[in-house]
Protein backbone atom coordinates (compact mmCIF):
# COMPACT_ATOMS: atom_id res chain seq x y z
CA MET A 1 -0.27 -0.13 0.07
CA ALA A 2 1.32 3.48 -1.10
CA THR A 3 1.49 5.99 1.47
CA LYS A 4 -1.04 8.51 1.41
CA ILE A 5 -0.56 12.19 0.77
CA ASN A 6 -3.39 14.59 1.34
CA THR A 7 -2.40 17.51 -0.65
CA ARG A 8 -4.30 20.36 0.97
CA SER A 9 -1.97 19.91 4.17
CA PRO A 10 1.65 20.24 4.08
CA PHE A 11 3.63 16.89 3.43
CA PHE A 12 7.41 16.53 4.33
CA ILE A 13 10.02 14.15 2.69
CA LYS A 14 13.27 13.84 4.93
CA ALA A 15 15.88 12.36 2.88
CA THR A 16 18.71 10.92 4.81
CA PRO A 17 21.59 8.62 3.41
CA SER A 18 22.28 4.95 4.78
CA SER A 19 25.78 5.89 4.99
CA GLY A 20 28.31 8.73 4.30
CA THR A 21 28.07 12.46 4.36
CA ILE A 22 25.82 14.23 1.69
CA THR A 23 27.07 17.50 -0.45
CA SER A 24 23.62 17.61 -1.89
CA ILE A 25 20.48 15.84 -2.65
CA THR A 26 18.49 15.62 -5.89
CA LEU A 27 14.78 14.90 -5.65
CA ASN A 28 12.88 13.67 -8.95
CA LEU A 29 9.34 14.05 -8.38
CA TYR A 30 6.91 12.10 -10.69
CA VAL A 31 2.92 12.92 -10.58
CA TYR A 32 0.80 10.88 -12.76
CA LYS A 33 -2.39 9.30 -13.32
CA GLY A 34 -3.35 5.86 -14.86
CA VAL A 35 -1.68 2.53 -14.11
CA PHE A 36 1.06 2.50 -11.36
CA THR A 37 4.58 2.58 -12.96
CA THR A 38 3.48 1.69 -16.36
CA ASN A 39 2.08 5.50 -16.92
CA LYS A 40 4.77 7.08 -15.25
CA PRO A 41 6.74 9.86 -17.14
CA GLU A 42 10.20 9.27 -18.57
CA LEU A 43 12.67 11.19 -16.87
CA ALA A 44 12.87 13.70 -19.71
CA GLN A 45 9.01 14.64 -18.67
CA VAL A 46 9.68 14.38 -15.01
CA GLN A 47 7.40 17.08 -13.31
CA TYR A 48 9.91 18.52 -10.87
CA ILE A 49 13.59 18.28 -10.20
CA ILE A 50 14.75 19.88 -7.13
CA GLN A 51 18.21 20.09 -5.67
CA LYS A 52 19.39 21.21 -2.32
CA THR A 53 22.32 21.46 -0.17
CA PRO A 54 22.09 20.61 3.68
CA LEU A 55 22.45 23.17 6.20
CA THR A 56 25.69 23.21 8.27
CA GLY A 57 25.81 20.29 10.64
CA ASN A 58 22.79 18.23 9.09
CA ASN A 59 23.32 14.95 6.92
CA PHE A 60 19.68 15.50 5.74
CA ILE A 61 17.41 17.48 3.80
CA VAL A 62 13.72 18.01 4.35
CA PHE A 63 11.43 18.61 0.98
CA GLU A 64 7.80 19.72 1.22
CA VAL A 65 5.78 18.53 -1.66
CA SER A 66 2.06 18.79 -1.33
CA GLU A 67 1.54 22.29 -3.23
CA LEU A 68 3.75 20.72 -6.23
CA ILE A 69 1.36 17.47 -6.34
CA ARG A 70 -1.80 19.31 -5.89
CA ASP A 71 -1.10 21.50 -9.13
CA PHE A 72 -1.83 18.28 -10.81
CA ILE A 73 -4.97 17.38 -9.21
CA ASP A 74 -8.23 18.77 -10.81
CA ILE A 75 -11.56 17.39 -9.73
CA GLU A 76 -14.40 17.59 -11.90
CA PHE A 77 -18.30 16.65 -11.11
CA ASP A 78 -20.89 16.42 -13.80
CA GLY A 79 -23.34 14.31 -12.05
CA ARG A 80 -20.83 11.24 -12.48
CA TYR A 81 -19.13 9.68 -9.78
CA GLU A 82 -17.33 6.55 -11.23
CA SER A 83 -13.90 7.88 -12.95
CA THR A 84 -13.48 4.35 -14.68
CA SER A 85 -15.92 5.56 -17.34
CA SER A 86 -15.23 9.35 -16.96
CA PRO A 87 -11.21 9.51 -16.65
CA GLU A 88 -11.63 13.25 -16.66
CA ILE A 89 -12.86 13.13 -13.11
CA ASP A 90 -9.93 10.98 -11.87
CA PRO A 91 -9.25 12.45 -8.56
CA VAL A 92 -6.17 10.77 -7.46
CA ARG A 93 -2.50 10.81 -8.41
CA TRP A 94 0.47 8.35 -8.21
CA VAL A 95 3.58 9.82 -6.65
CA GLU A 96 7.18 8.60 -7.02
CA ALA A 97 9.93 10.45 -5.30
CA ASP A 98 13.30 9.52 -6.59
CA ILE A 99 15.94 10.79 -4.30
CA VAL A 100 19.64 10.90 -5.18
CA PHE A 101 22.47 11.37 -2.74
CA VAL A 102 25.53 13.26 -3.85
CA LYS A 103 28.70 12.26 -1.57
CA GLY A 104 32.32 12.72 -1.96
CA THR A 105 32.30 8.77 -1.68
CA ASP A 106 30.56 8.10 -5.01
CA VAL A 107 31.59 5.21 -7.04
CA VAL A 108 33.51 6.30 -10.01
CA GLY A 109 34.74 3.99 -12.77
CA ILE A 110 35.20 3.03 -16.38
CA THR A 111 33.64 -0.24 -17.65
CA THR A 112 36.00 -2.99 -18.85
CA GLY A 113 35.67 -6.06 -20.47
CA THR A 114 32.92 -7.35 -22.95
CA ALA A 115 29.75 -5.43 -23.00
CA ALA A 116 26.64 -7.32 -22.20
CA THR A 117 22.85 -6.22 -22.47
CA ASN A 118 21.84 -4.51 -19.05
CA LYS A 119 25.31 -4.98 -17.59
CA LEU A 120 27.85 -2.82 -15.92
CA ARG A 121 31.23 -4.44 -15.79
CA ASP A 122 34.58 -3.20 -13.98
CA SER A 123 37.17 -5.28 -12.87
CA ALA A 124 38.77 -2.87 -10.79
CA ARG A 125 35.61 -2.37 -8.48
CA THR A 126 34.25 -3.84 -5.47
CA PHE A 127 30.55 -3.70 -5.98
CA SER A 128 29.28 -5.94 -3.16
CA SER A 129 30.41 -3.67 -0.45
CA THR A 130 29.81 -0.40 -2.29
CA VAL A 131 26.49 -0.63 -4.47
CA SER A 132 23.04 -1.67 -3.54
CA VAL A 133 19.88 -2.51 -5.47
CA GLY A 134 18.10 0.64 -6.51
CA ASP A 135 21.25 2.88 -6.66
CA LEU A 136 21.72 5.15 -9.82
CA VAL A 137 23.96 4.65 -12.60
CA LEU A 138 25.02 7.83 -14.64
CA ASN A 139 26.76 6.98 -17.74
CA THR A 140 29.01 10.29 -17.79
CA THR A 141 30.04 9.63 -21.45
CA ASP A 142 26.47 9.88 -22.94
CA SER A 143 24.60 11.15 -19.99
CA THR A 144 22.48 8.35 -19.88
CA ARG A 145 21.08 6.81 -16.63
CA ALA A 146 19.95 3.52 -15.18
CA THR A 147 19.05 1.76 -11.74
CA VAL A 148 20.81 -1.01 -10.20
CA THR A 149 18.60 -4.12 -10.14
CA ALA A 150 21.11 -6.58 -8.88
CA VAL A 151 24.64 -6.83 -7.69
CA ASP A 152 25.79 -9.92 -9.50
CA SER A 153 29.38 -10.04 -8.06
CA ASN A 154 32.22 -7.33 -6.88
CA THR A 155 32.80 -6.74 -10.61
CA GLU A 156 29.42 -6.97 -12.28
CA LEU A 157 25.86 -5.10 -11.96
CA THR A 158 22.47 -5.78 -13.67
CA LEU A 159 20.85 -2.69 -14.67
CA ASP A 160 17.42 -1.67 -15.45
CA ALA A 161 18.27 -0.51 -19.11
CA ASP A 162 21.12 -1.12 -21.46
CA ILE A 163 23.29 2.06 -21.15
CA MET A 164 26.90 0.91 -20.58
CA ALA A 165 29.29 -0.14 -23.52
CA SER A 166 32.80 -1.04 -22.91
CA GLY A 167 35.33 1.70 -22.09
CA GLU A 168 32.41 4.17 -21.06
CA PHE A 169 32.75 6.24 -17.72
CA TYR A 170 30.19 6.22 -15.03
CA THR A 171 29.29 7.43 -11.43
CA ILE A 172 27.01 5.38 -8.96
CA ARG A 173 25.10 7.13 -6.30
CA GLU A 174 22.97 6.18 -3.61
CA GLN A 175 19.30 6.47 -4.66
CA SER A 176 16.06 5.78 -2.92
CA ARG A 177 12.45 5.46 -4.10
CA LEU A 178 9.50 6.43 -2.34
CA ASP A 179 6.06 5.65 -3.69
CA TYR A 180 2.81 7.73 -2.59
CA ILE A 181 -0.77 8.03 -3.61
CA ALA A 182 -2.19 11.63 -3.55
CA PHE A 183 -5.76 12.70 -2.60
CA ASP A 184 -7.06 16.36 -2.45
CA GLY A 185 -7.69 15.96 1.11
CA TYR A 186 -6.35 17.57 4.48
CA GLY A 187 -5.88 16.98 8.12
CA TYR A 188 -6.42 19.04 11.21
CA PHE A 189 -4.03 20.80 13.07
CA GLU A 190 -4.71 18.39 15.81
CA ASP A 191 -3.48 15.65 13.50
CA GLY A 192 0.16 16.74 13.60
CA VAL A 193 2.84 16.41 10.54
CA ASN A 194 2.00 14.35 7.51
CA PRO A 195 -1.62 13.71 8.40
CA ARG A 196 -3.01 10.65 6.72
CA SER A 197 -6.19 9.77 8.12
CA THR A 198 -4.74 6.49 9.58
CA ASP A 199 -7.59 5.96 11.67
CA ASN A 200 -10.07 5.41 8.74
CA LEU A 201 -8.19 3.86 5.72
CA SER A 202 -11.48 2.14 4.23
CA LEU A 203 -14.56 4.46 4.48
CA MET A 204 -13.72 7.79 2.89
CA GLN A 205 -16.30 10.11 5.13
CA SER A 206 -16.09 11.23 8.69
CA ASN A 207 -19.70 10.27 9.60
CA ASN A 208 -20.99 7.00 10.32
CA THR A 209 -24.79 7.76 10.25
CA ILE A 210 -26.50 8.97 6.86
CA PHE A 211 -29.65 10.41 6.39
CA ARG A 212 -31.58 9.77 3.23
CA LEU A 213 -35.02 10.52 1.69
CA ASN A 214 -37.26 7.93 1.03
CA ASP A 215 -36.55 6.09 -2.37
CA PHE A 216 -33.38 7.98 -2.87
CA ASN A 217 -30.03 6.41 -3.44
CA THR A 218 -27.33 6.19 -0.81
CA ARG A 219 -23.63 6.53 -1.83
CA ILE A 220 -20.59 6.04 0.11
CA PRO A 221 -16.85 6.42 -0.99
CA VAL A 222 -14.57 3.55 -0.05
CA TYR A 223 -10.78 3.21 -0.43
CA THR A 224 -10.50 0.26 -2.83
CA ASP A 225 -7.13 -0.44 -1.82
CA ASP A 226 -8.30 -1.23 1.85
CA THR A 227 -11.63 -2.40 1.62
CA THR A 228 -12.69 -5.86 0.85
CA SER A 229 -16.42 -5.85 0.62
CA VAL A 230 -19.57 -3.80 1.53
CA SER A 231 -22.64 -5.46 2.88
CA PHE A 232 -26.18 -4.22 2.52
CA LEU A 233 -28.68 -5.05 5.54
CA TYR A 234 -32.13 -4.19 6.81
CA LYS A 235 -33.33 -5.15 10.25
CA GLY A 236 -30.23 -7.34 10.66
CA GLU A 237 -30.74 -9.16 7.51
CA VAL A 238 -28.00 -8.94 4.81
CA LYS A 239 -29.72 -8.28 1.64
CA ARG A 240 -26.52 -8.48 -0.61
CA THR A 241 -22.73 -8.38 -0.50
CA GLN A 242 -20.59 -6.56 -2.78
CA SER A 243 -16.96 -7.25 -3.19
CA ILE A 244 -14.58 -4.65 -3.83
CA SER A 245 -11.12 -5.27 -5.61
CA SER A 246 -8.02 -3.08 -5.49
CA SER A 247 -6.61 -1.74 -8.57
CA THR A 248 -3.33 -0.24 -9.67
CA ASP A 249 -5.10 2.45 -11.83
CA THR A 250 -5.86 5.89 -10.15
CA ASN A 251 -9.21 5.80 -11.74
CA ALA A 252 -10.32 2.98 -9.45
CA GLN A 253 -8.95 4.14 -6.01
CA ILE A 254 -12.24 5.35 -4.92
CA ASP A 255 -15.18 3.26 -5.24
CA TYR A 256 -18.74 4.91 -4.63
CA VAL A 257 -20.80 2.34 -3.26
CA THR A 258 -24.50 2.69 -3.75
CA VAL A 259 -27.74 0.97 -2.09
CA SER A 260 -29.52 0.79 -5.39
CA GLY A 261 -26.41 -0.39 -7.40
CA SER A 262 -26.80 2.59 -9.80
CA ASP A 263 -23.69 4.65 -9.44
CA ASN A 264 -24.90 8.06 -10.84
CA ASN A 265 -28.39 8.04 -10.17
CA ASP A 266 -30.33 9.29 -7.02
CA SER A 267 -33.95 8.57 -7.36
CA TYR A 268 -36.45 6.60 -9.40
CA LYS A 269 -36.96 10.05 -11.58
CA GLU A 270 -33.28 10.23 -12.23
CA ARG A 271 -33.15 6.48 -13.11
CA VAL A 272 -36.12 6.75 -15.84
CA LEU A 273 -34.65 10.00 -17.13
CA GLY A 274 -30.93 8.35 -17.06
CA ASP A 275 -32.43 5.39 -19.11
CA GLY A 276 -33.72 7.81 -21.80
CA GLY A 277 -37.31 7.49 -20.63
CA THR A 278 -39.98 10.25 -20.07
CA PHE A 279 -41.16 10.80 -16.52
CA GLU A 280 -44.85 12.22 -16.39
CA ASP A 281 -45.40 14.06 -13.16
CA ASN A 282 -48.87 13.64 -11.65
CA SER A 283 -50.23 13.55 -7.97
CA LEU A 284 -51.03 9.70 -8.17
CA LEU A 285 -47.64 8.75 -9.31
CA ASP A 286 -46.11 11.35 -6.72
CA ASP A 287 -48.17 9.77 -3.75
CA PHE A 288 -47.20 6.04 -4.96
CA LEU A 289 -43.25 6.98 -4.96
CA ASN A 290 -43.55 8.54 -1.78
CA ALA A 291 -45.08 5.41 -0.22
CA VAL A 292 -42.69 2.94 -1.96
CA ASP A 293 -38.91 2.86 -1.00
CA ASP A 294 -37.00 0.50 -3.54
CA GLY A 295 -33.62 1.20 -1.72
CA LEU A 296 -34.47 0.15 1.56
CA VAL A 297 -31.43 -0.58 3.74
CA ASP A 298 -30.49 0.40 7.38
CA GLU A 299 -26.91 -0.69 7.74
CA LEU A 300 -23.89 -1.01 5.75
CA TYR A 301 -20.85 -3.04 7.02
CA VAL A 302 -17.63 -1.94 5.34
CA ALA A 303 -14.96 -4.66 5.68
CA SER A 304 -11.47 -4.07 5.44
CA SER A 305 -7.94 -5.35 6.44
CA SER A 306 -8.21 -3.25 9.57
CA GLY A 307 -11.74 -4.27 10.77
CA THR A 308 -15.21 -3.48 9.72
CA GLU A 309 -16.76 -0.22 9.77
CA VAL A 310 -20.53 -0.06 10.40
CA VAL A 311 -22.53 2.96 8.64
CA LYS A 312 -26.26 3.74 10.03
CA ILE A 313 -28.54 4.51 7.46
CA LYS A 314 -31.86 6.42 8.43
CA THR A 315 -34.62 7.50 6.15
CA PHE A 316 -36.92 10.43 6.02
CA ASP A 317 -40.10 10.76 4.67
CA CYS A 318 -40.26 12.86 1.48
CA SER A 319 -40.94 16.52 2.00
CA LYS A 320 -43.44 18.93 0.33
CA TYR A 321 -40.19 20.85 -0.79
CA GLU A 322 -37.80 20.02 -3.64
CA PRO A 323 -35.00 18.18 -2.21
CA ILE A 324 -31.59 19.61 -3.44
CA LYS A 325 -28.56 17.61 -3.47
CA ILE A 326 -25.21 19.50 -2.61
CA THR A 327 -21.77 17.46 -3.58
CA PHE A 328 -18.72 18.57 -2.23
CA VAL A 329 -14.84 17.37 -1.93
CA ASN A 330 -14.38 16.29 1.68
CA LYS A 331 -11.38 15.85 3.99
CA PHE A 332 -10.57 12.76 2.17
CA GLY A 333 -10.47 14.11 -1.17
CA ALA A 334 -13.90 12.17 -2.09
CA LEU A 335 -17.11 13.33 -3.64
CA GLN A 336 -19.86 13.35 -0.85
CA ASP A 337 -23.41 14.17 -0.95
CA LEU A 338 -25.54 15.85 1.67
CA TYR A 339 -29.22 16.58 1.12
CA PHE A 340 -31.06 19.91 1.82
CA SER A 341 -34.83 18.88 1.92
CA LEU A 342 -36.72 21.60 3.68
CA LYS A 343 -37.55 25.12 2.51
CA SER A 344 -35.00 26.85 0.07
CA THR A 345 -34.95 30.52 -1.27
CA GLU A 346 -33.32 32.00 -4.20
CA SER A 347 -32.14 35.74 -4.66
CA THR A 348 -30.45 37.65 -7.39
CA SER A 349 -27.83 40.39 -6.72
CA VAL A 350 -26.65 42.97 -9.48
CA GLN A 351 -23.32 44.63 -9.69
CA SER A 352 -22.46 47.53 -12.10
CA GLU A 353 -20.35 50.51 -12.90
CA GLN A 354 -21.61 53.94 -13.41
CA TYR A 355 -20.46 57.09 -15.01
CA LYS A 356 -22.03 60.72 -15.68
CA ARG A 357 -22.27 61.31 -19.25
CA SER A 358 -23.09 64.46 -21.10
CA ILE A 359 -26.30 64.67 -22.93
CA PHE A 360 -26.33 68.19 -23.75
CA SER A 361 -26.43 69.78 -27.24
CA GLU A 362 -24.46 72.78 -28.06
CA THR A 363 -26.09 72.93 -31.44
CA ASP A 364 -29.52 73.93 -30.36
CA LEU A 365 -28.91 74.35 -26.65
CA SER A 366 -30.95 71.54 -25.57
CA TYR A 367 -31.06 68.15 -24.18
CA LYS A 368 -33.08 64.80 -24.38
CA THR A 369 -35.03 64.22 -21.44
CA TYR A 370 -35.36 60.62 -22.10
CA GLN A 371 -31.61 60.06 -22.42
CA HIS A 372 -29.38 58.55 -19.54
CA GLN A 373 -27.50 61.18 -17.84
CA LYS A 374 -26.08 58.23 -15.59
CA GLN A 375 -25.02 55.43 -17.64
CA LEU A 376 -24.65 51.97 -16.54
CA PHE A 377 -21.80 49.63 -17.93
CA GLN A 378 -20.32 46.21 -16.89
CA THR A 379 -23.71 45.12 -15.38
CA ASN A 380 -24.02 41.54 -14.30
CA GLY A 381 -25.75 39.64 -11.46
CA SER A 382 -25.42 36.82 -9.43
CA ASP A 383 -27.63 34.34 -7.77
CA SER A 384 -28.04 32.84 -4.45
CA ILE A 385 -30.02 30.18 -2.78
CA THR A 386 -30.29 29.46 0.90
CA LEU A 387 -30.89 25.70 1.80
CA ASN A 388 -31.91 23.72 4.76
CA THR A 389 -31.32 20.53 6.05
CA ASP A 390 -33.57 18.33 7.64
CA TYR A 391 -33.04 17.68 11.47
CA LEU A 392 -29.81 15.67 11.69
CA ASP A 393 -27.45 13.92 14.55
CA ASP A 394 -24.35 15.32 16.02
CA GLU A 395 -22.25 13.48 13.66
CA HIS A 396 -23.19 15.73 10.83
CA ASN A 397 -21.59 18.58 12.47
CA LYS A 398 -18.42 16.98 10.79
CA VAL A 399 -20.13 16.98 7.42
CA ILE A 400 -21.19 20.51 7.69
CA GLU A 401 -17.81 21.48 8.80
CA GLU A 402 -16.17 19.76 5.87
CA LEU A 403 -18.76 21.52 3.46
CA MET A 404 -17.73 24.78 4.38
CA LEU A 405 -14.14 24.01 4.15
CA SER A 406 -14.44 22.48 0.81
CA GLU A 407 -12.91 24.28 -2.32
CA GLN A 408 -15.09 22.32 -4.73
CA THR A 409 -19.12 22.18 -4.49
CA TRP A 410 -21.77 21.48 -6.72
CA MET A 411 -25.55 21.50 -6.59
CA THR A 412 -27.91 19.02 -8.40
CA ARG A 413 -31.49 19.74 -9.21
CA ILE A 414 -33.86 17.67 -11.22
CA THR A 415 -35.86 19.20 -14.15
CA ASP A 416 -38.40 17.26 -16.00
CA THR A 417 -36.17 16.52 -18.62
CA SER A 418 -32.83 16.00 -17.05
CA GLU A 419 -30.24 16.27 -14.22
CA GLN A 420 -28.56 20.04 -13.80
CA VAL A 421 -25.53 20.27 -12.07
CA THR A 422 -24.11 23.60 -11.53
CA PRO A 423 -20.99 24.77 -9.26
CA VAL A 424 -21.63 26.90 -6.24
CA VAL A 425 -19.46 28.38 -3.30
CA PRO A 426 -20.57 28.17 0.23
CA LYS A 427 -21.51 31.80 1.18
CA THR A 428 -21.97 31.22 4.94
CA LYS A 429 -18.66 31.58 6.65
CA SER A 430 -19.76 30.59 10.08
CA VAL A 431 -22.20 28.46 11.86
CA THR A 432 -22.81 27.27 15.49
CA TYR A 433 -22.60 23.80 15.79
CA LYS A 434 -25.45 22.04 17.88
CA THR A 435 -25.54 19.05 19.85
CA SER A 436 -28.11 16.44 20.71
CA LEU A 437 -27.60 17.17 24.61
CA ASN A 438 -28.44 21.00 24.17
CA ASP A 439 -30.54 21.33 20.88
CA LYS A 440 -31.85 17.42 20.30
CA LEU A 441 -31.44 16.87 16.33
CA SER A 442 -29.90 19.57 14.56
CA GLN A 443 -31.05 21.50 11.70
CA TYR A 444 -28.66 23.90 9.49
CA THR A 445 -29.18 26.65 7.31
CA ILE A 446 -26.34 27.08 4.46
CA GLU A 447 -26.75 29.86 1.82
CA PHE A 448 -24.43 29.52 -1.37
CA ASP A 449 -23.65 31.76 -4.22
CA MET A 450 -23.54 30.39 -7.89
CA ALA A 451 -20.17 30.00 -9.04
CA PHE A 452 -20.89 31.73 -12.23
CA ASN A 453 -22.30 35.39 -13.27
CA LYS A 454 -25.83 35.63 -14.38
CA ILE A 455 -25.18 36.91 -17.73
CA ASN A 456 -22.85 34.53 -19.74
CA ASP A 457 -19.58 36.43 -20.18
CA ILE A 458 -17.18 33.75 -20.74
CA ARG A 459 -14.75 34.68 -23.44
């Protein structure tokens, strides 16, 4: 399992040689998506090459890499969750840190004897005591490089590339390779240095209770590298179990497990529209759908190598108000849904510039009384919406907190013909958290601004 990096918090790499005294260290940082190792860029396309010298008295160097990695993570959401079929929304990156230690004791020489494929031969060396697997070989004659894969003997090395001919000069340096997996997540101050959410490796959300609307889908993000299965229960009886497979592809590191089995549809109406059907609203059908729940589950068991997480699901009756789904990137770097099922109100504000212009005509000493002396320009507007949750338990204080700390948030509404996803920004900047001891169940009001102007001014 690669070490997790939450890129919204600092992540430090301390580079220390296994022996000897360093004069400098070079960090080659690869950030890529796709299949682990297979899709790693060539050295010529390495994202970052960082060289540093140690402070006086130190034999180590510390690199901070989170901000560099985060530049390559761009999360998009168009209503689809699974990035296996939508690679543009892939929210995960592989990171390889190749650390090269430059010392005064680097192995330097010239190849001798007959050249062989992927071999370095030098009869004047003692490789068994001076070289290790993983060390870097630099061909200083033609500026090529390779990594040691085996120390065959005192005089022969096996390399991962065929770079050495007889009579060529080389330098061998200690090199270590560190592998990471990066998410757009973060830790809190109390978590200390390099927060990795080690207490919760499988379930990628903070709350273990989910409130859902009657007949609406329930979706939870799990980390596939640590999760083995998810079981769906109702009144203690297992309805079905879904196996979770690990993968070496970034687009399969997060699995959005759903109660209905449909990854991207939240309700019966969405399932009809998603299949290309026509949904006809009428009061009899509404009454029937409000009375029937075809996703009835009250517990999920998330099994992993470290144990089992239990997620409780509580179902609300349908509200008379239109339910609105807010999807946001949570502290784990995964998409998470929160429904606002009570009253919502919308408003529009307008901004513009203004100048005073002359409408006076010197020709006939007059002006037109229907002309604007005060003229507006660069006029545009922005919409806002105020949403209200239903009554939630204390665990959802964490969800509200992560929603307000999220830098990427979307609102989903269902029209008669399609699902409409729009980007929004939380406008509410502070909330008072409620507890069951003081307030019983808690209800929250959050205001959002649309993340775009009213008038299309995209150029």
